[in-house]
Amino acid sequence: MTHAPPTIAILVLNYNGKSLLDSCLGSVLAQTGPEERVYLVDNGSTDGSCEYVAEHYGAVGIIRFDRNLGFAEAYNRAVTSIDEDVVVFLNNDVQVQSNWLSQLKSTLKRYTHSVAAYGSKILLYDNPRLVNHAGGRMTPIGGGIDVDFMKPDVGAADEPQFAGCVSGASMTVPRSLFLRLGGFDADFFAYFEDADYCWRAWLGGYQVLYVPSSRVHHKLSATMGHYLKPQRLFFGERNRVQTVLKNLEFKNAIAGYLVSCLYDLRRVMEFPRPREPACALAIIRANLWVLTHLPTIILKRRQIQRSRRVTDAFLVKHRLMTSLTEGLREFYRLSVLRLG
């Protein structure tokens, strides 16, 4: 008895990104077939994005919100509004390579329902010889790091491999499993919600797979701006600390939080002028937000820890999570690269 192939929903998140849509949607529609449906998930754009897609891309469905819900909540709501078997989350600032979808589909056929997320290799749009993301690893000071960020793409083996986390810029999930795991944490708004989802998946006994043969080119920071934009810093720091408090074992969460505070203190003191005051304030505000929302974070932590199936030591042993010192070194390396 043969089974019908799974239906696939490709959700392209958009917020005032009209200028990005031709490159993204054109590359996606060139390789979709009857099993796939492409949707624009619009976060209250005011630049005519929805009208433009309706006029020029009639095959694309439109899921429209009246305000900017952020990455996490917009995708959560979009997933509940569709009924396809598999969901692909895709940034509007990427252009997919010609075999992006076929490689994802062939990987889906080979692996079991225990995989909670599949992630593509991400290369820089302006310089595709450089890597943006080659899988990721969680860290004991929170969030995740992009493996090989800004390193040359050396064309390593294209076989799928397990990763601690993968990037939401091109992430594929089984819809039912995504919903079972609670989707993205809506309190994150944007940044590290992909790492947090993957982290919770591993803790719950599921797996995350990096698929290097499925590739996209990313216009880095096209949507939210420079790494040191205060709003971006606020969300990133706030969410990184939340992942520490929610997902680590108790003693590691305490250690990770204390080291995180020292890390933030050093960063506040080292910001280059003239960015220093606004950026420092963003980090301080982020930590205050976490403290004022601690009761909610603790409730989430209890639920996550009750369903834990693997230890932090397991994640470190299998290189899904860094050690504390390795994570600090990598965060500093990435900070230096982004400052440049």
Protein backbone atom coordinates (compact mmCIF):
# COMPACT_ATOMS: atom_id res chain seq x y z
CA MET A 1 0.00 0.00 0.00
CA THR A 2 1.46 3.37 -0.98
CA HIS A 3 1.03 6.50 1.10
CA ALA A 4 0.38 9.91 -0.37
CA PRO A 5 3.30 12.31 0.03
CA PRO A 6 2.88 14.84 2.83
CA THR A 7 1.44 18.19 1.92
CA ILE A 8 3.78 21.10 2.62
CA ALA A 9 3.01 24.69 3.60
CA ILE A 10 5.80 27.19 2.95
CA LEU A 11 5.25 30.19 5.21
CA VAL A 12 7.14 33.36 4.25
CA LEU A 13 7.11 35.84 7.11
CA ASN A 14 6.95 39.48 6.05
CA TYR A 15 6.92 42.90 7.67
CA ASN A 16 7.24 45.84 5.29
CA GLY A 17 9.50 43.73 3.08
CA LYS A 18 7.91 44.39 -0.30
CA SER A 19 11.31 45.01 -1.90
CA LEU A 20 12.47 41.52 -0.84
CA LEU A 21 9.53 39.50 -2.08
CA ASP A 22 10.35 39.08 -5.78
CA SER A 23 13.67 37.43 -5.00
CA CYS A 24 12.24 35.19 -2.31
CA LEU A 25 8.88 34.18 -3.79
CA GLY A 26 10.25 33.84 -7.31
CA SER A 27 12.90 31.36 -6.22
CA VAL A 28 10.41 29.38 -4.12
CA LEU A 29 7.62 29.19 -6.71
CA ALA A 30 10.09 27.98 -9.34
CA GLN A 31 10.35 24.65 -7.52
CA THR A 32 6.97 24.02 -5.89
CA GLY A 33 4.43 21.47 -7.10
CA PRO A 34 0.94 20.21 -6.21
CA GLU A 35 2.03 19.02 -2.74
CA GLU A 36 3.18 22.51 -1.73
CA ARG A 37 1.29 25.69 -0.95
CA VAL A 38 3.10 28.99 -0.44
CA TYR A 39 1.72 31.55 2.01
CA LEU A 40 2.75 35.09 2.82
CA VAL A 41 2.43 35.60 6.57
CA ASP A 42 2.17 39.36 6.87
CA ASN A 43 2.75 41.17 10.15
CA GLY A 44 0.68 44.29 9.54
CA SER A 45 2.80 45.72 6.72
CA THR A 46 2.04 49.26 5.58
CA ASP A 47 4.18 49.22 2.41
CA GLY A 48 1.67 47.48 0.15
CA SER A 49 3.25 44.04 0.47
CA CYS A 50 -0.05 42.14 0.54
CA GLU A 51 -1.51 44.05 -2.37
CA TYR A 52 1.65 43.47 -4.38
CA VAL A 53 1.59 39.72 -3.75
CA ALA A 54 -2.11 39.48 -4.55
CA GLU A 55 -1.52 41.23 -7.87
CA HIS A 56 1.70 39.53 -8.97
CA TYR A 57 1.68 36.13 -7.20
CA GLY A 58 -1.84 34.79 -7.42
CA ALA A 59 -0.76 31.30 -6.35
CA VAL A 60 0.43 32.59 -2.99
CA GLY A 61 -2.04 32.54 -0.13
CA ILE A 62 -2.04 35.50 2.25
CA ILE A 63 -2.34 35.20 6.04
CA ARG A 64 -2.61 38.78 7.19
CA PHE A 65 -2.40 40.21 10.71
CA ASP A 66 -3.36 43.76 11.59
CA ARG A 67 -0.19 44.43 13.61
CA ASN A 68 3.36 43.20 14.00
CA LEU A 69 3.15 40.05 16.11
CA GLY A 70 6.83 39.24 15.73
CA PHE A 71 8.39 36.04 14.46
CA ALA A 72 7.14 33.65 17.14
CA GLU A 73 3.47 34.57 17.56
CA ALA A 74 2.85 35.23 13.86
CA TYR A 75 4.16 31.79 12.90
CA ASN A 76 2.28 30.11 15.76
CA ARG A 77 -1.01 31.62 14.59
CA ALA A 78 -0.28 30.86 10.95
CA VAL A 79 0.42 27.19 11.69
CA THR A 80 -2.92 26.80 13.46
CA SER A 81 -4.74 28.36 10.49
CA ILE A 82 -3.50 25.85 7.89
CA ASP A 83 -3.85 22.08 7.64
CA GLU A 84 -0.82 20.91 5.63
CA ASP A 85 1.24 18.06 7.13
CA VAL A 86 4.62 19.79 7.03
CA VAL A 87 5.47 23.45 7.58
CA VAL A 88 8.47 25.34 6.22
CA PHE A 89 9.35 28.62 7.93
CA LEU A 90 11.17 30.91 5.53
CA ASN A 91 12.51 34.45 5.92
CA ASN A 92 11.49 36.98 3.29
CA ASP A 93 15.14 38.06 3.00
CA VAL A 94 16.39 34.76 1.56
CA GLN A 95 16.66 33.42 -1.95
CA VAL A 96 16.54 29.63 -2.12
CA GLN A 97 18.78 27.56 -4.38
CA SER A 98 17.19 25.50 -7.13
CA ASN A 99 17.35 22.19 -5.20
CA TRP A 100 16.45 23.66 -1.80
CA LEU A 101 13.01 22.08 -1.63
CA SER A 102 13.83 18.75 -3.28
CA GLN A 103 16.64 18.15 -0.80
CA LEU A 104 14.34 18.89 2.11
CA LYS A 105 11.68 16.55 0.73
CA SER A 106 14.12 13.70 0.16
CA THR A 107 15.40 14.10 3.73
CA LEU A 108 11.85 14.05 5.09
CA LYS A 109 11.31 10.65 3.42
CA ARG A 110 14.45 9.18 4.99
CA TYR A 111 13.92 10.15 8.61
CA THR A 112 11.28 9.24 11.14
CA HIS A 113 8.66 11.19 13.03
CA SER A 114 11.14 11.68 15.90
CA VAL A 115 12.75 14.63 14.07
CA ALA A 116 11.18 17.89 15.27
CA ALA A 117 13.05 20.27 12.94
CA TYR A 118 15.09 20.22 9.74
CA GLY A 119 17.32 23.18 8.89
CA SER A 120 18.99 24.35 5.69
CA LYS A 121 22.53 25.59 5.18
CA ILE A 122 22.49 29.37 4.97
CA LEU A 123 25.05 31.31 2.93
CA LEU A 124 25.48 35.05 2.66
CA TYR A 125 23.53 36.56 -0.22
CA ASP A 126 26.23 39.10 -1.10
CA ASN A 127 29.04 36.56 -0.75
CA PRO A 128 27.79 32.96 -1.04
CA ARG A 129 31.29 31.66 -0.40
CA LEU A 130 30.78 32.59 3.26
CA VAL A 131 28.62 30.70 5.73
CA ASN A 132 25.87 32.35 7.74
CA HIS A 133 24.65 29.13 9.35
CA ALA A 134 25.83 25.51 9.12
CA GLY A 135 23.71 24.09 11.88
CA GLY A 136 23.81 25.45 15.40
CA ARG A 137 24.64 24.57 19.00
CA MET A 138 22.96 25.69 22.20
CA THR A 139 25.12 27.32 24.87
CA PRO A 140 24.98 27.27 28.70
CA ILE A 141 24.73 31.07 28.67
CA GLY A 142 21.64 30.80 26.52
CA GLY A 143 20.50 30.95 22.94
CA GLY A 144 22.39 29.29 20.15
CA ILE A 145 25.43 29.93 17.98
CA ASP A 146 25.70 29.52 14.22
CA VAL A 147 28.33 26.95 13.36
CA ASP A 148 31.00 28.30 10.94
CA PHE A 149 29.55 31.84 10.96
CA MET A 150 31.50 33.99 8.46
CA LYS A 151 33.83 31.12 7.59
CA PRO A 152 34.38 29.93 4.00
CA ASP A 153 31.98 27.31 2.70
CA VAL A 154 34.42 24.48 2.11
CA GLY A 155 31.84 22.13 0.62
CA ALA A 156 31.90 19.61 3.46
CA ALA A 157 29.81 16.45 3.29
CA ASP A 158 26.21 17.10 2.30
CA GLU A 159 24.75 14.25 4.36
CA PRO A 160 22.23 15.30 7.02
CA GLN A 161 23.62 15.49 10.55
CA PHE A 162 22.20 16.11 13.97
CA ALA A 163 22.51 19.65 15.31
CA GLY A 164 21.64 21.32 18.56
CA CYS A 165 19.50 23.86 16.72
CA VAL A 166 18.79 25.13 13.23
CA SER A 167 17.88 28.55 11.93
CA GLY A 168 14.32 29.77 11.59
CA ALA A 169 15.36 31.53 8.38
CA SER A 170 14.76 28.16 6.69
CA MET A 171 13.34 25.60 9.10
CA THR A 172 11.01 22.68 8.34
CA VAL A 173 8.82 21.05 11.00
CA PRO A 174 6.13 18.37 11.10
CA ARG A 175 3.03 20.43 11.90
CA SER A 176 1.56 18.05 14.48
CA LEU A 177 4.86 17.75 16.37
CA PHE A 178 5.41 21.51 16.31
CA LEU A 179 2.01 22.00 17.92
CA ARG A 180 2.62 19.19 20.42
CA LEU A 181 5.81 20.92 21.57
CA GLY A 182 3.96 24.19 22.04
CA GLY A 183 5.35 25.93 18.95
CA PHE A 184 7.61 28.92 19.40
CA ASP A 185 7.58 30.75 22.72
CA ALA A 186 5.34 33.72 21.94
CA ASP A 187 7.01 35.81 24.66
CA PHE A 188 10.21 35.86 22.58
CA PHE A 189 8.73 38.03 19.79
CA ALA A 190 11.94 37.68 17.75
CA TYR A 191 15.43 36.14 18.11
CA PHE A 192 16.42 32.77 19.59
CA GLU A 193 12.87 31.39 19.34
CA ASP A 194 14.24 28.87 16.84
CA ALA A 195 17.04 27.79 19.20
CA ASP A 196 14.58 27.59 22.10
CA TYR A 197 12.18 25.40 20.10
CA CYS A 198 15.00 23.05 19.08
CA TRP A 199 16.34 22.94 22.63
CA ARG A 200 12.92 21.96 23.98
CA ALA A 201 12.64 19.34 21.25
CA TRP A 202 15.89 17.67 22.32
CA LEU A 203 14.87 17.80 25.98
CA GLY A 204 11.55 16.18 25.06
CA GLY A 205 13.27 13.23 23.38
CA TYR A 206 13.08 14.42 19.77
CA GLN A 207 15.85 15.29 17.33
CA VAL A 208 16.96 18.20 15.17
CA LEU A 209 18.56 17.65 11.77
CA TYR A 210 20.79 19.95 9.76
CA VAL A 211 20.43 19.40 5.99
CA PRO A 212 23.46 21.02 4.26
CA SER A 213 22.37 20.01 0.76
CA SER A 214 19.34 22.32 1.11
CA ARG A 215 20.74 25.82 0.73
CA VAL A 216 19.53 29.39 0.84
CA HIS A 217 21.23 32.76 0.43
CA HIS A 218 20.46 35.22 3.22
CA LYS A 219 20.46 39.02 3.07
CA LEU A 220 21.81 39.28 6.59
CA SER A 221 20.00 41.83 8.80
CA ALA A 222 17.76 43.01 5.96
CA THR A 223 14.67 42.92 8.19
CA MET A 224 15.75 43.99 11.69
CA GLY A 225 18.86 45.97 10.85
CA HIS A 226 22.39 46.01 12.25
CA TYR A 227 23.39 43.72 15.11
CA LEU A 228 23.81 46.75 17.41
CA LYS A 229 20.40 48.23 16.77
CA PRO A 230 19.06 48.71 20.34
CA GLN A 231 15.72 47.02 19.69
CA ARG A 232 17.47 43.99 18.25
CA LEU A 233 19.86 43.86 21.20
CA PHE A 234 16.94 44.04 23.64
CA PHE A 235 15.12 41.08 22.13
CA GLY A 236 18.26 39.02 21.68
CA GLU A 237 19.52 39.52 25.23
CA ARG A 238 16.09 39.07 26.81
CA ASN A 239 15.46 35.83 24.95
CA ARG A 240 18.94 34.43 25.46
CA VAL A 241 18.54 34.75 29.23
CA GLN A 242 15.09 33.17 29.09
CA THR A 243 16.51 30.05 27.44
CA VAL A 244 19.02 29.72 30.29
CA LEU A 245 16.34 29.88 32.95
CA LYS A 246 13.84 27.64 31.15
CA ASN A 247 15.90 24.88 29.62
CA LEU A 248 19.02 24.10 31.68
CA GLU A 249 19.13 21.77 34.67
CA PHE A 250 18.87 23.72 37.93
CA LYS A 251 22.56 23.93 38.88
CA ASN A 252 23.52 24.72 35.29
CA ALA A 253 20.80 27.35 35.05
CA ILE A 254 22.18 29.11 38.13
CA ALA A 255 25.74 28.96 36.79
CA GLY A 256 24.65 30.01 33.32
CA TYR A 257 22.65 32.96 34.62
CA LEU A 258 25.53 34.24 36.79
CA VAL A 259 27.99 33.97 33.91
CA SER A 260 25.43 35.62 31.62
CA CYS A 261 25.23 38.60 33.99
CA LEU A 262 29.04 38.94 33.95
CA TYR A 263 29.03 38.63 30.16
CA ASP A 264 26.42 41.38 29.87
CA LEU A 265 28.29 43.61 32.31
CA ARG A 266 31.44 43.33 30.24
CA ARG A 267 29.56 44.06 27.04
CA VAL A 268 27.93 47.14 28.51
CA MET A 269 31.38 48.46 29.42
CA GLU A 270 32.89 47.68 26.01
CA PHE A 271 30.36 49.09 23.54
CA PRO A 272 32.00 51.36 20.96
CA ARG A 273 30.90 54.97 20.90
CA PRO A 274 28.52 56.45 19.81
CA ARG A 275 26.38 53.33 20.23
CA GLU A 276 27.27 52.81 23.88
CA PRO A 277 24.40 54.54 25.77
CA ALA A 278 21.49 53.12 23.74
CA CYS A 279 22.99 49.64 23.49
CA ALA A 280 23.91 49.49 27.16
CA LEU A 281 20.40 50.57 28.09
CA ALA A 282 18.91 47.88 25.83
CA ILE A 283 20.82 45.15 27.67
CA ILE A 284 19.88 46.54 31.08
CA ARG A 285 16.21 46.74 30.03
CA ALA A 286 16.34 43.15 28.77
CA ASN A 287 17.59 41.83 32.10
CA LEU A 288 15.02 43.86 34.02
CA TRP A 289 12.29 42.43 31.76
CA VAL A 290 13.41 38.91 32.67
CA LEU A 291 13.34 39.68 36.40
CA THR A 292 9.85 41.19 36.24
CA HIS A 293 8.55 38.20 34.26
CA LEU A 294 10.31 35.58 36.37
CA PRO A 295 7.11 33.92 37.70
CA THR A 296 5.93 33.19 34.13
CA ILE A 297 9.38 31.92 33.13
CA ILE A 298 9.46 29.59 36.15
CA LEU A 299 6.08 28.14 35.23
CA LYS A 300 7.38 27.39 31.73
CA ARG A 301 10.54 25.90 33.22
CA ARG A 302 8.55 23.50 35.38
CA GLN A 303 6.64 22.21 32.39
CA ILE A 304 9.80 21.77 30.30
CA GLN A 305 11.73 20.04 33.06
CA ARG A 306 8.86 17.64 33.82
CA SER A 307 9.02 16.34 30.25
CA ARG A 308 12.85 16.21 30.10
CA ARG A 309 14.22 13.01 28.55
CA VAL A 310 17.93 13.83 28.18
CA THR A 311 20.51 15.49 30.41
CA ASP A 312 22.58 18.60 29.79
CA ALA A 313 25.65 16.34 29.89
CA PHE A 314 24.20 14.31 26.99
CA LEU A 315 23.79 17.47 24.91
CA VAL A 316 27.38 18.56 25.61
CA LYS A 317 28.80 15.07 24.97
CA HIS A 318 27.18 14.89 21.54
CA ARG A 319 28.21 18.46 20.66
CA LEU A 320 24.64 19.69 20.56
CA MET A 321 25.49 22.20 23.28
CA THR A 322 28.81 23.90 24.00
CA SER A 323 30.61 23.85 27.32
CA LEU A 324 30.38 27.05 29.35
CA THR A 325 33.85 28.28 28.40
CA GLU A 326 33.46 27.30 24.75
CA GLY A 327 30.15 29.11 24.56
CA LEU A 328 31.65 32.30 26.00
CA ARG A 329 34.57 32.21 23.58
CA GLU A 330 32.24 31.72 20.62
CA PHE A 331 29.89 34.53 21.67
CA TYR A 332 32.86 36.91 21.88
CA ARG A 333 34.11 35.78 18.48
CA LEU A 334 30.72 36.35 16.92
CA SER A 335 30.38 39.74 18.63
CA VAL A 336 33.70 40.87 17.15
CA LEU A 337 32.71 39.69 13.67
CA ARG A 338 29.34 41.45 13.85
CA LEU A 339 30.91 44.67 15.11
CA GLY A 340 33.03 44.62 11.97
